[in-house]
C-alpha atoms as a PDB file:
ATOM      1  CA  MET A   1       0.000   0.000   0.000  1.00  0.00           C
ATOM      2  CA  LYS A   2       1.306   3.437  -0.989  1.00  0.00           C
ATOM      3  CA  ASN A   3       1.144   6.442   1.320  1.00  0.00           C
ATOM      4  CA  ILE A   4      -0.237   9.502  -0.472  1.00  0.00           C
ATOM      5  CA  LEU A   5      -0.127  13.051   0.905  1.00  0.00           C
ATOM      6  CA  VAL A   6      -2.873  15.327  -0.448  1.00  0.00           C
ATOM      7  CA  THR A   7      -2.512  19.026   0.376  1.00  0.00           C
ATOM      8  CA  GLY A   8      -5.414  21.445  -0.027  1.00  0.00           C
ATOM      9  CA  ALA A   9      -7.747  18.528   0.686  1.00  0.00           C
ATOM     10  CA  ASN A  10     -10.700  20.774   1.577  1.00  0.00           C
ATOM     11  CA  GLY A  11     -10.737  22.438  -1.837  1.00  0.00           C
ATOM     12  CA  GLN A  12     -12.504  21.426  -5.036  1.00  0.00           C
ATOM     13  CA  LEU A  13      -9.757  19.189  -6.370  1.00  0.00           C
ATOM     14  CA  GLY A  14      -8.821  17.777  -2.979  1.00  0.00           C
ATOM     15  CA  ASN A  15     -12.395  16.685  -2.357  1.00  0.00           C
ATOM     16  CA  GLU A  16     -12.562  14.919  -5.718  1.00  0.00           C
ATOM     17  CA  ILE A  17      -9.320  13.047  -5.010  1.00  0.00           C
ATOM     18  CA  ARG A  18     -10.693  12.062  -1.608  1.00  0.00           C
ATOM     19  CA  ILE A  19     -13.779  10.526  -3.235  1.00  0.00           C
ATOM     20  CA  LEU A  20     -11.743   8.734  -5.919  1.00  0.00           C
ATOM     21  CA  THR A  21      -9.335   7.144  -3.434  1.00  0.00           C
ATOM     22  CA  GLU A  22     -11.405   6.603  -0.275  1.00  0.00           C
ATOM     23  CA  ASN A  23     -12.325   2.989  -1.092  1.00  0.00           C
ATOM     24  CA  SER A  24      -8.973   2.037  -2.608  1.00  0.00           C
ATOM     25  CA  SER A  25      -6.955  -0.760  -1.047  1.00  0.00           C
ATOM     26  CA  ASP A  26      -3.873   0.447  -2.924  1.00  0.00           C
ATOM     27  CA  TYR A  27      -3.501   3.808  -1.204  1.00  0.00           C
ATOM     28  CA  ASN A  28      -3.336   5.116   2.329  1.00  0.00           C
ATOM     29  CA  VAL A  29      -4.271   8.764   1.805  1.00  0.00           C
ATOM     30  CA  PHE A  30      -3.323  11.560   4.199  1.00  0.00           C
ATOM     31  CA  LEU A  31      -5.775  14.409   3.583  1.00  0.00           C
ATOM     32  CA  THR A  32      -4.364  17.694   4.861  1.00  0.00           C
ATOM     33  CA  ASP A  33      -5.198  21.354   4.714  1.00  0.00           C
ATOM     34  CA  VAL A  34      -3.844  24.462   6.405  1.00  0.00           C
ATOM     35  CA  ASP A  35      -5.320  23.400   9.756  1.00  0.00           C
ATOM     36  CA  THR A  36      -3.458  20.079   9.781  1.00  0.00           C
ATOM     37  CA  LEU A  37      -0.244  20.825   7.843  1.00  0.00           C
ATOM     38  CA  ASP A  38       1.260  24.250   7.178  1.00  0.00           C
ATOM     39  CA  ILE A  39       3.086  23.685   3.902  1.00  0.00           C
ATOM     40  CA  CYS A  40       4.657  27.153   4.209  1.00  0.00           C
ATOM     41  CA  ASP A  41       6.659  25.710   7.131  1.00  0.00           C
ATOM     42  CA  TYR A  42       9.437  23.506   5.755  1.00  0.00           C
ATOM     43  CA  PRO A  43      10.340  21.727   9.028  1.00  0.00           C
ATOM     44  CA  ALA A  44       6.671  20.789   9.431  1.00  0.00           C
ATOM     45  CA  VAL A  45       6.534  19.447   5.867  1.00  0.00           C
ATOM     46  CA  GLU A  46       9.760  17.465   6.252  1.00  0.00           C
ATOM     47  CA  SER A  47       8.583  15.980   9.557  1.00  0.00           C
ATOM     48  CA  PHE A  48       5.191  14.985   8.138  1.00  0.00           C
ATOM     49  CA  VAL A  49       6.557  13.446   4.945  1.00  0.00           C
ATOM     50  CA  GLY A  50       9.321  11.549   6.722  1.00  0.00           C
ATOM     51  CA  GLY A  51       7.257  10.535   9.738  1.00  0.00           C
ATOM     52  CA  ASN A  52       4.432   9.117   7.630  1.00  0.00           C
ATOM     53  CA  LYS A  53       6.690   7.495   5.024  1.00  0.00           C
ATOM     54  CA  ILE A  54       4.918   9.310   2.178  1.00  0.00           C
ATOM     55  CA  ASP A  55       5.439   7.838  -1.307  1.00  0.00           C
ATOM     56  CA  ILE A  56       4.032  10.706  -3.377  1.00  0.00           C
ATOM     57  CA  ILE A  57       2.665  14.203  -2.770  1.00  0.00           C
ATOM     58  CA  LEU A  58      -0.363  15.596  -4.603  1.00  0.00           C
ATOM     59  CA  ASN A  59      -0.298  19.361  -4.107  1.00  0.00           C
ATOM     60  CA  CYS A  60      -3.786  20.775  -4.607  1.00  0.00           C
ATOM     61  CA  ALA A  61      -3.204  23.785  -2.334  1.00  0.00           C
ATOM     62  CA  ALA A  62      -3.076  27.288  -3.792  1.00  0.00           C
ATOM     63  CA  TYR A  63      -3.965  30.911  -3.170  1.00  0.00           C
ATOM     64  CA  THR A  64      -6.597  31.374  -5.880  1.00  0.00           C
ATOM     65  CA  ALA A  65      -8.288  34.686  -4.954  1.00  0.00           C
ATOM     66  CA  VAL A  66      -6.993  36.376  -8.103  1.00  0.00           C
ATOM     67  CA  ASP A  67      -8.117  39.940  -7.336  1.00  0.00           C
ATOM     68  CA  LYS A  68      -7.295  39.822  -3.617  1.00  0.00           C
ATOM     69  CA  ALA A  69      -3.804  38.624  -4.504  1.00  0.00           C
ATOM     70  CA  GLU A  70      -3.034  42.061  -5.945  1.00  0.00           C
ATOM     71  CA  ASP A  71      -3.172  43.463  -2.386  1.00  0.00           C
ATOM     72  CA  ASN A  72      -1.836  40.356  -0.643  1.00  0.00           C
ATOM     73  CA  GLU A  73       1.264  39.530  -2.641  1.00  0.00           C
ATOM     74  CA  GLU A  74       3.270  38.247   0.338  1.00  0.00           C
ATOM     75  CA  ILE A  75       0.788  35.576   1.428  1.00  0.00           C
ATOM     76  CA  CYS A  76       0.059  34.713  -2.214  1.00  0.00           C
ATOM     77  CA  ARG A  77       3.774  34.109  -2.840  1.00  0.00           C
ATOM     78  CA  LYS A  78       4.082  32.018   0.316  1.00  0.00           C
ATOM     79  CA  VAL A  79       1.284  29.673  -0.736  1.00  0.00           C
ATOM     80  CA  ASN A  80       1.909  29.610  -4.498  1.00  0.00           C
ATOM     81  CA  ALA A  81       5.728  29.639  -4.595  1.00  0.00           C
ATOM     82  CA  ILE A  82       7.350  28.979  -1.211  1.00  0.00           C
ATOM     83  CA  ALA A  83       4.990  26.152  -0.184  1.00  0.00           C
ATOM     84  CA  PRO A  84       5.482  24.163  -3.443  1.00  0.00           C
ATOM     85  CA  TYR A  85       9.240  24.664  -3.029  1.00  0.00           C
ATOM     86  CA  ASN A  86       8.993  23.205   0.484  1.00  0.00           C
ATOM     87  CA  LEU A  87       7.098  20.190  -0.811  1.00  0.00           C
ATOM     88  CA  ALA A  88       9.625  19.704  -3.609  1.00  0.00           C
ATOM     89  CA  LYS A  89      12.545  19.915  -1.174  1.00  0.00           C
ATOM     90  CA  ALA A  90      10.945  17.285   1.064  1.00  0.00           C
ATOM     91  CA  ALA A  91      10.210  15.080  -1.957  1.00  0.00           C
ATOM     92  CA  ALA A  92      13.840  15.382  -3.076  1.00  0.00           C
ATOM     93  CA  LYS A  93      15.130  14.612   0.414  1.00  0.00           C
ATOM     94  CA  PHE A  94      13.108  11.402   0.712  1.00  0.00           C
ATOM     95  CA  GLY A  95      13.328  10.379  -2.953  1.00  0.00           C
ATOM     96  CA  ILE A  96       9.579  10.512  -3.627  1.00  0.00           C
ATOM     97  CA  GLY A  97       7.278  11.988  -6.262  1.00  0.00           C
ATOM     98  CA  LEU A  98       5.395  15.284  -6.456  1.00  0.00           C
ATOM     99  CA  ILE A  99       2.414  16.199  -8.636  1.00  0.00           C
ATOM    100  CA  HIS A 100       1.673  19.922  -8.457  1.00  0.00           C
ATOM    101  CA  ILE A 101      -1.252  21.878  -9.920  1.00  0.00           C
ATOM    102  CA  SER A 102      -0.603  25.138 -11.735  1.00  0.00           C
ATOM    103  CA  THR A 103      -2.694  27.436 -13.905  1.00  0.00           C
ATOM    104  CA  ASP A 104      -3.340  28.925 -17.335  1.00  0.00           C
ATOM    105  CA  TYR A 105      -2.820  32.338 -15.702  1.00  0.00           C
ATOM    106  CA  VAL A 106       0.954  31.843 -16.042  1.00  0.00           C
ATOM    107  CA  PHE A 107       0.408  32.984 -19.660  1.00  0.00           C
ATOM    108  CA  ASP A 108      -0.144  36.578 -20.800  1.00  0.00           C
ATOM    109  CA  GLY A 109      -2.982  35.694 -23.194  1.00  0.00           C
ATOM    110  CA  THR A 110      -1.402  37.132 -26.353  1.00  0.00           C
ATOM    111  CA  SER A 111      -1.281  33.841 -28.267  1.00  0.00           C
ATOM    112  CA  CYS A 112      -3.904  33.037 -30.873  1.00  0.00           C
ATOM    113  CA  THR A 113      -3.273  29.278 -30.785  1.00  0.00           C
ATOM    114  CA  PRO A 114      -3.535  26.897 -27.805  1.00  0.00           C
ATOM    115  CA  TYR A 115      -0.597  27.197 -25.437  1.00  0.00           C
ATOM    116  CA  THR A 116       1.876  24.325 -25.372  1.00  0.00           C
ATOM    117  CA  GLU A 117       3.927  23.541 -22.294  1.00  0.00           C
ATOM    118  CA  ASP A 118       7.124  25.109 -23.671  1.00  0.00           C
ATOM    119  CA  MET A 119       5.689  28.490 -24.646  1.00  0.00           C
ATOM    120  CA  PRO A 120       6.875  31.568 -22.691  1.00  0.00           C
ATOM    121  CA  ALA A 121       5.048  31.965 -19.380  1.00  0.00           C
ATOM    122  CA  THR A 122       4.894  35.564 -18.171  1.00  0.00           C
ATOM    123  CA  GLY A 123       1.725  35.971 -16.155  1.00  0.00           C
ATOM    124  CA  LEU A 124      -0.138  39.265 -16.012  1.00  0.00           C
ATOM    125  CA  SER A 125      -1.261  39.190 -12.370  1.00  0.00           C
ATOM    126  CA  VAL A 126       0.290  38.566  -8.953  1.00  0.00           C
ATOM    127  CA  TYR A 127      -1.542  35.233  -8.948  1.00  0.00           C
ATOM    128  CA  GLY A 128      -0.168  34.202 -12.341  1.00  0.00           C
ATOM    129  CA  LYS A 129       3.367  35.385 -11.584  1.00  0.00           C
ATOM    130  CA  THR A 130       3.526  33.602  -8.207  1.00  0.00           C
ATOM    131  CA  LYS A 131       2.200  30.383  -9.726  1.00  0.00           C
ATOM    132  CA  ARG A 132       4.920  30.560 -12.372  1.00  0.00           C
ATOM    133  CA  GLU A 133       7.485  31.248  -9.646  1.00  0.00           C
ATOM    134  CA  GLY A 134       6.267  28.121  -7.869  1.00  0.00           C
ATOM    135  CA  GLU A 135       6.804  26.041 -11.020  1.00  0.00           C
ATOM    136  CA  LEU A 136      10.375  27.262 -11.395  1.00  0.00           C
ATOM    137  CA  LYS A 137      11.219  26.763  -7.727  1.00  0.00           C
ATOM    138  CA  ILE A 138       9.942  23.183  -7.820  1.00  0.00           C
ATOM    139  CA  PHE A 139      12.217  22.292 -10.730  1.00  0.00           C
ATOM    140  CA  GLU A 140      15.210  23.878  -8.972  1.00  0.00           C
ATOM    141  CA  VAL A 141      15.235  20.989  -6.503  1.00  0.00           C
ATOM    142  CA  LEU A 142      13.060  18.291  -8.095  1.00  0.00           C
ATOM    143  CA  PRO A 143      13.404  17.962 -11.897  1.00  0.00           C
ATOM    144  CA  SER A 144      11.327  14.749 -11.756  1.00  0.00           C
ATOM    145  CA  ALA A 145       8.250  16.614 -10.479  1.00  0.00           C
ATOM    146  CA  VAL A 146       5.069  16.625 -12.563  1.00  0.00           C
ATOM    147  CA  ILE A 147       3.312  19.980 -12.913  1.00  0.00           C
ATOM    148  CA  ILE A 148      -0.179  20.034 -14.396  1.00  0.00           C
ATOM    149  CA  ARG A 149      -1.546  23.384 -15.540  1.00  0.00           C
ATOM    150  CA  THR A 150      -5.308  23.659 -15.610  1.00  0.00           C
ATOM    151  CA  ALA A 151      -7.965  26.359 -16.058  1.00  0.00           C
ATOM    152  CA  TRP A 152     -11.442  27.534 -15.086  1.00  0.00           C
ATOM    153  CA  LEU A 153     -11.909  24.862 -12.418  1.00  0.00           C
ATOM    154  CA  TYR A 154     -15.393  24.073 -11.103  1.00  0.00           C
ATOM    155  CA  SER A 155     -17.159  21.296  -9.189  1.00  0.00           C
ATOM    156  CA  GLU A 156     -19.969  20.699  -6.740  1.00  0.00           C
ATOM    157  CA  PHE A 157     -17.605  21.665  -3.902  1.00  0.00           C
ATOM    158  CA  GLY A 158     -16.817  25.126  -2.563  1.00  0.00           C
ATOM    159  CA  ASN A 159     -17.297  28.398  -4.396  1.00  0.00           C
ATOM    160  CA  ASN A 160     -16.827  28.446  -8.152  1.00  0.00           C
ATOM    161  CA  PHE A 161     -18.138  30.014 -11.347  1.00  0.00           C
ATOM    162  CA  VAL A 162     -20.751  27.369 -12.113  1.00  0.00           C
ATOM    163  CA  LYS A 163     -22.384  27.539  -8.692  1.00  0.00           C
ATOM    164  CA  THR A 164     -22.242  31.339  -8.709  1.00  0.00           C
ATOM    165  CA  MET A 165     -23.926  31.612 -12.116  1.00  0.00           C
ATOM    166  CA  ILE A 166     -26.662  29.192 -11.059  1.00  0.00           C
ATOM    167  CA  ARG A 167     -27.269  31.214  -7.903  1.00  0.00           C
ATOM    168  CA  LEU A 168     -27.285  34.564  -9.722  1.00  0.00           C
ATOM    169  CA  GLY A 169     -29.521  33.124 -12.432  1.00  0.00           C
ATOM    170  CA  GLY A 170     -32.113  32.443  -9.767  1.00  0.00           C
ATOM    171  CA  GLU A 171     -31.733  35.839  -8.098  1.00  0.00           C
ATOM    172  CA  ARG A 172     -31.562  38.224 -11.061  1.00  0.00           C
ATOM    173  CA  ASP A 173     -33.417  38.831 -14.278  1.00  0.00           C
ATOM    174  CA  LYS A 174     -30.293  39.819 -16.213  1.00  0.00           C
ATOM    175  CA  LEU A 175     -26.524  39.261 -16.111  1.00  0.00           C
ATOM    176  CA  GLY A 176     -23.605  40.719 -18.031  1.00  0.00           C
ATOM    177  CA  VAL A 177     -20.721  38.297 -18.606  1.00  0.00           C
ATOM    178  CA  VAL A 178     -17.453  38.913 -20.456  1.00  0.00           C
ATOM    179  CA  PHE A 179     -17.180  37.472 -23.955  1.00  0.00           C
ATOM    180  CA  ASP A 180     -13.595  38.534 -24.764  1.00  0.00           C
ATOM    181  CA  GLN A 181     -11.780  36.129 -22.447  1.00  0.00           C
ATOM    182  CA  ILE A 182     -11.414  32.729 -24.092  1.00  0.00           C
ATOM    183  CA  GLY A 183     -10.426  29.464 -22.434  1.00  0.00           C
ATOM    184  CA  THR A 184     -11.741  26.059 -21.415  1.00  0.00           C
ATOM    185  CA  PRO A 185     -13.687  25.030 -18.290  1.00  0.00           C
ATOM    186  CA  THR A 186     -12.369  22.093 -16.267  1.00  0.00           C
ATOM    187  CA  TYR A 187     -14.493  19.779 -14.140  1.00  0.00           C
ATOM    188  CA  ALA A 188     -12.447  19.036 -11.018  1.00  0.00           C
ATOM    189  CA  LEU A 189     -13.485  15.381 -11.137  1.00  0.00           C
ATOM    190  CA  ASP A 190     -11.895  14.980 -14.582  1.00  0.00           C
ATOM    191  CA  LEU A 191      -8.690  16.634 -13.382  1.00  0.00           C
ATOM    192  CA  ALA A 192      -8.632  14.444 -10.264  1.00  0.00           C
ATOM    193  CA  LYS A 193      -8.944  11.331 -12.439  1.00  0.00           C
ATOM    194  CA  ALA A 194      -6.046  12.554 -14.573  1.00  0.00           C
ATOM    195  CA  MET A 195      -3.936  13.134 -11.458  1.00  0.00           C
ATOM    196  CA  VAL A 196      -4.625   9.617 -10.210  1.00  0.00           C
ATOM    197  CA  THR A 197      -3.662   8.214 -13.630  1.00  0.00           C
ATOM    198  CA  VAL A 198      -0.395  10.174 -13.582  1.00  0.00           C
ATOM    199  CA  MET A 199       0.225   9.031 -10.006  1.00  0.00           C
ATOM    200  CA  GLU A 200      -0.290   5.377 -10.924  1.00  0.00           C
ATOM    201  CA  HIS A 201       2.195   5.695 -13.793  1.00  0.00           C
ATOM    202  CA  SER A 202       4.746   7.189 -11.415  1.00  0.00           C
ATOM    203  CA  PHE A 203       4.843   3.936  -9.467  1.00  0.00           C
ATOM    204  CA  GLU A 204       5.716   1.892 -12.546  1.00  0.00           C
ATOM    205  CA  LYS A 205       9.353   0.844 -12.304  1.00  0.00           C
ATOM    206  CA  GLY A 206      11.724   2.792 -14.525  1.00  0.00           C
ATOM    207  CA  ASN A 207       9.175   5.374 -15.640  1.00  0.00           C
ATOM    208  CA  VAL A 208      10.106   9.036 -15.301  1.00  0.00           C
ATOM    209  CA  PHE A 209       7.541  11.553 -16.475  1.00  0.00           C
ATOM    210  CA  GLY A 210       8.871  14.761 -14.934  1.00  0.00           C
ATOM    211  CA  GLY A 211       7.872  18.022 -16.573  1.00  0.00           C
ATOM    212  CA  ILE A 212       4.924  20.292 -17.282  1.00  0.00           C
ATOM    213  CA  TYR A 213       1.630  19.047 -18.710  1.00  0.00           C
ATOM    214  CA  HIS A 214      -1.634  20.775 -19.590  1.00  0.00           C
ATOM    215  CA  PHE A 215      -5.083  19.520 -18.663  1.00  0.00           C
ATOM    216  CA  THR A 216      -8.528  21.032 -19.153  1.00  0.00           C
ATOM    217  CA  ASN A 217     -11.674  19.589 -20.663  1.00  0.00           C
ATOM    218  CA  GLU A 218     -11.876  19.609 -24.457  1.00  0.00           C
ATOM    219  CA  GLY A 219     -13.370  22.504 -26.390  1.00  0.00           C
ATOM    220  CA  VAL A 220     -13.177  26.285 -26.219  1.00  0.00           C
ATOM    221  CA  CYS A 221     -15.561  29.006 -25.026  1.00  0.00           C
ATOM    222  CA  SER A 222     -15.830  32.455 -23.464  1.00  0.00           C
ATOM    223  CA  TRP A 223     -17.145  33.119 -19.965  1.00  0.00           C
ATOM    224  CA  TYR A 224     -20.329  34.344 -21.689  1.00  0.00           C
ATOM    225  CA  ASP A 225     -20.725  31.094 -23.650  1.00  0.00           C
ATOM    226  CA  PHE A 226     -20.021  29.132 -20.469  1.00  0.00           C
ATOM    227  CA  THR A 227     -22.739  31.004 -18.566  1.00  0.00           C
ATOM    228  CA  VAL A 228     -25.317  30.551 -21.315  1.00  0.00           C
ATOM    229  CA  LYS A 229     -24.701  26.807 -21.291  1.00  0.00           C
ATOM    230  CA  ILE A 230     -24.807  26.645 -17.475  1.00  0.00           C
ATOM    231  CA  HIS A 231     -28.237  28.287 -17.461  1.00  0.00           C
ATOM    232  CA  GLU A 232     -29.467  26.104 -20.312  1.00  0.00           C
ATOM    233  CA  ILE A 233     -28.479  22.864 -18.566  1.00  0.00           C
ATOM    234  CA  ALA A 234     -29.703  24.086 -15.173  1.00  0.00           C
ATOM    235  CA  GLY A 235     -33.081  25.056 -16.668  1.00  0.00           C
ATOM    236  CA  ILE A 236     -32.771  28.759 -15.802  1.00  0.00           C
ATOM    237  CA  LYS A 237     -35.034  30.670 -18.198  1.00  0.00           C
ATOM    238  CA  ASN A 238     -35.893  33.965 -16.497  1.00  0.00           C
ATOM    239  CA  CYS A 239     -32.422  35.521 -16.497  1.00  0.00           C
ATOM    240  CA  LYS A 240     -31.146  37.237 -19.656  1.00  0.00           C
ATOM    241  CA  VAL A 241     -27.394  36.781 -20.109  1.00  0.00           C
ATOM    242  CA  SER A 242     -25.686  39.495 -22.187  1.00  0.00           C
ATOM    243  CA  PRO A 243     -22.099  39.626 -23.477  1.00  0.00           C
ATOM    244  CA  ILE A 244     -19.919  42.465 -22.188  1.00  0.00           C
ATOM    245  CA  GLU A 245     -16.301  43.483 -22.717  1.00  0.00           C
ATOM    246  CA  SER A 246     -13.673  42.979 -20.027  1.00  0.00           C
ATOM    247  CA  LYS A 247     -13.238  46.743 -19.731  1.00  0.00           C
ATOM    248  CA  ASP A 248     -16.860  46.971 -18.592  1.00  0.00           C
ATOM    249  CA  TYR A 249     -16.349  44.463 -15.784  1.00  0.00           C
ATOM    250  CA  PRO A 250     -14.220  45.980 -13.008  1.00  0.00           C
ATOM    251  CA  ALA A 251     -11.497  43.592 -11.826  1.00  0.00           C
ATOM    252  CA  LYS A 252      -8.327  44.471  -9.959  1.00  0.00           C
ATOM    253  CA  ALA A 253      -6.178  41.769 -11.559  1.00  0.00           C
ATOM    254  CA  PRO A 254      -5.724  41.541 -15.346  1.00  0.00           C
ATOM    255  CA  ARG A 255      -6.807  38.271 -16.958  1.00  0.00           C
ATOM    256  CA  PRO A 256      -5.366  36.656 -20.087  1.00  0.00           C
ATOM    257  CA  SER A 257      -7.720  37.274 -23.005  1.00  0.00           C
ATOM    258  CA  TYR A 258      -6.847  33.868 -24.476  1.00  0.00           C
ATOM    259  CA  SER A 259      -5.619  30.959 -22.371  1.00  0.00           C
ATOM    260  CA  VAL A 260      -6.640  27.788 -24.203  1.00  0.00           C
ATOM    261  CA  LEU A 261      -4.235  24.984 -23.292  1.00  0.00           C
ATOM    262  CA  ASN A 262      -2.924  22.366 -25.717  1.00  0.00           C
ATOM    263  CA  LYS A 263      -3.397  18.937 -24.087  1.00  0.00           C
ATOM    264  CA  THR A 264      -1.638  16.705 -26.626  1.00  0.00           C
ATOM    265  CA  LYS A 265       1.308  15.932 -24.339  1.00  0.00           C
ATOM    266  CA  ILE A 266      -0.689  14.600 -21.379  1.00  0.00           C
ATOM    267  CA  LYS A 267      -3.008  12.597 -23.654  1.00  0.00           C
ATOM    268  CA  ASN A 268      -0.157  10.949 -25.523  1.00  0.00           C
ATOM    269  CA  THR A 269       2.048  10.327 -22.481  1.00  0.00           C
ATOM    270  CA  PHE A 270      -0.570   8.834 -20.191  1.00  0.00           C
ATOM    271  CA  GLY A 271      -3.265   7.641 -22.602  1.00  0.00           C
ATOM    272  CA  ILE A 272      -5.838   9.975 -21.057  1.00  0.00           C
ATOM    273  CA  GLU A 273      -9.157  10.542 -22.818  1.00  0.00           C
ATOM    274  CA  ILE A 274     -10.662  13.932 -21.991  1.00  0.00           C
ATOM    275  CA  PRO A 275     -14.408  14.712 -22.163  1.00  0.00           C
ATOM    276  CA  HIS A 276     -15.763  17.848 -23.842  1.00  0.00           C
ATOM    277  CA  TRP A 277     -16.526  20.624 -21.355  1.00  0.00           C
ATOM    278  CA  GLU A 278     -20.260  20.578 -22.105  1.00  0.00           C
ATOM    279  CA  GLU A 279     -20.567  16.875 -21.275  1.00  0.00           C
ATOM    280  CA  SER A 280     -18.720  17.297 -17.984  1.00  0.00           C
ATOM    281  CA  LEU A 281     -20.797  20.364 -17.133  1.00  0.00           C
ATOM    282  CA  LYS A 282     -23.961  18.285 -17.520  1.00  0.00           C
ATOM    283  CA  LEU A 283     -22.587  15.721 -15.072  1.00  0.00           C
ATOM    284  CA  CYS A 284     -21.670  18.363 -12.513  1.00  0.00           C
ATOM    285  CA  ILE A 285     -25.048  20.109 -12.659  1.00  0.00           C
ATOM    286  CA  ALA A 286     -26.823  16.749 -12.404  1.00  0.00           C
ATOM    287  CA  GLN A 287     -24.786  16.082  -9.263  1.00  0.00           C
ATOM    288  CA  LEU A 288     -25.680  19.498  -7.853  1.00  0.00           C
ATOM    289  CA  ASN A 289     -29.378  18.846  -8.559  1.00  0.00           C
ATOM    290  CA  SER A 290     -29.094  15.473  -6.831  1.00  0.00           C
ATOM    291  CA  GLN A 291     -27.597  17.124  -3.765  1.00  0.00           C
ATOM    292  CA  ARG A 292     -30.464  19.643  -3.668  1.00  0.00           C
ATOM    293  CA  SER A 293     -33.019  16.869  -3.932  1.00  0.00           C
ATOM    294  CA  CYS A 294     -31.430  15.046  -0.998  1.00  0.00           C
ATOM    295  CA  LYS A 295     -31.527  18.212   1.122  1.00  0.00           C
ATOM    296  CA  VAL A 296     -35.205  18.798   0.299  1.00  0.00           C
ATOM    297  CA  GLU A 297     -36.123  15.196   1.103  1.00  0.00           C
ATOM    298  CA  ASN A 298     -34.228  15.321   4.377  1.00  0.00           C
END
């Protein structure tokens, strides 16, 4: 049985990994968050990893409040750059693996074709820059680490765009949503499955898959398109969704106008099949509706 450390276990991705692995006889999973393991504290990380004989670390922790990060650069850097460095140092010390989650926001959005892993990464915001710093610091000490960049993450857990748009669709009769930021939504369950697949490959003798990979669902859309589809699937009919430009939506942190990720590398390396974002969105909303039904019945 392999000992797996999951950081950020209370977040969207951490919860999905918990569900995927909770009945497995192959893994003994240590689910941690800031209240149980401060990954900004290297001695604490080293003690935990060594004391529990961890075989691989799945780092799902991040500071993801993109606008707040502009005023909280120090804490953002601690969580997004220093903490991953600590995990990588511990992994290097004990000779174990690390899978770390990064973001499409490491790119500046000026490309007109999907970003490959080797394209220049110069983020526009504090969030994007600190996430890129975290990537570089990991590879300083652990070249064998796997970094997976993702985008527009949502799930039935926590706060996210899908749940917000469903809530606002029920509260308002009209919404303005930006149409000039293009990317791809990612269902956290699909990303969690990909992480588990990568993790399983890492235990195969002689295999080394270190490097950066991209993972989102398939397809491309704007935040406006995404919202329209959310409301359609959720059956929201009394809220008019209108496209607006980014300049008309006040946000402290700049966003990349185009951040579609090329996923060829992860598909070819690990044999991963990725669903289209609309199909995964249907599954997520069905799950949310099921949860509501259970609450009503109870």
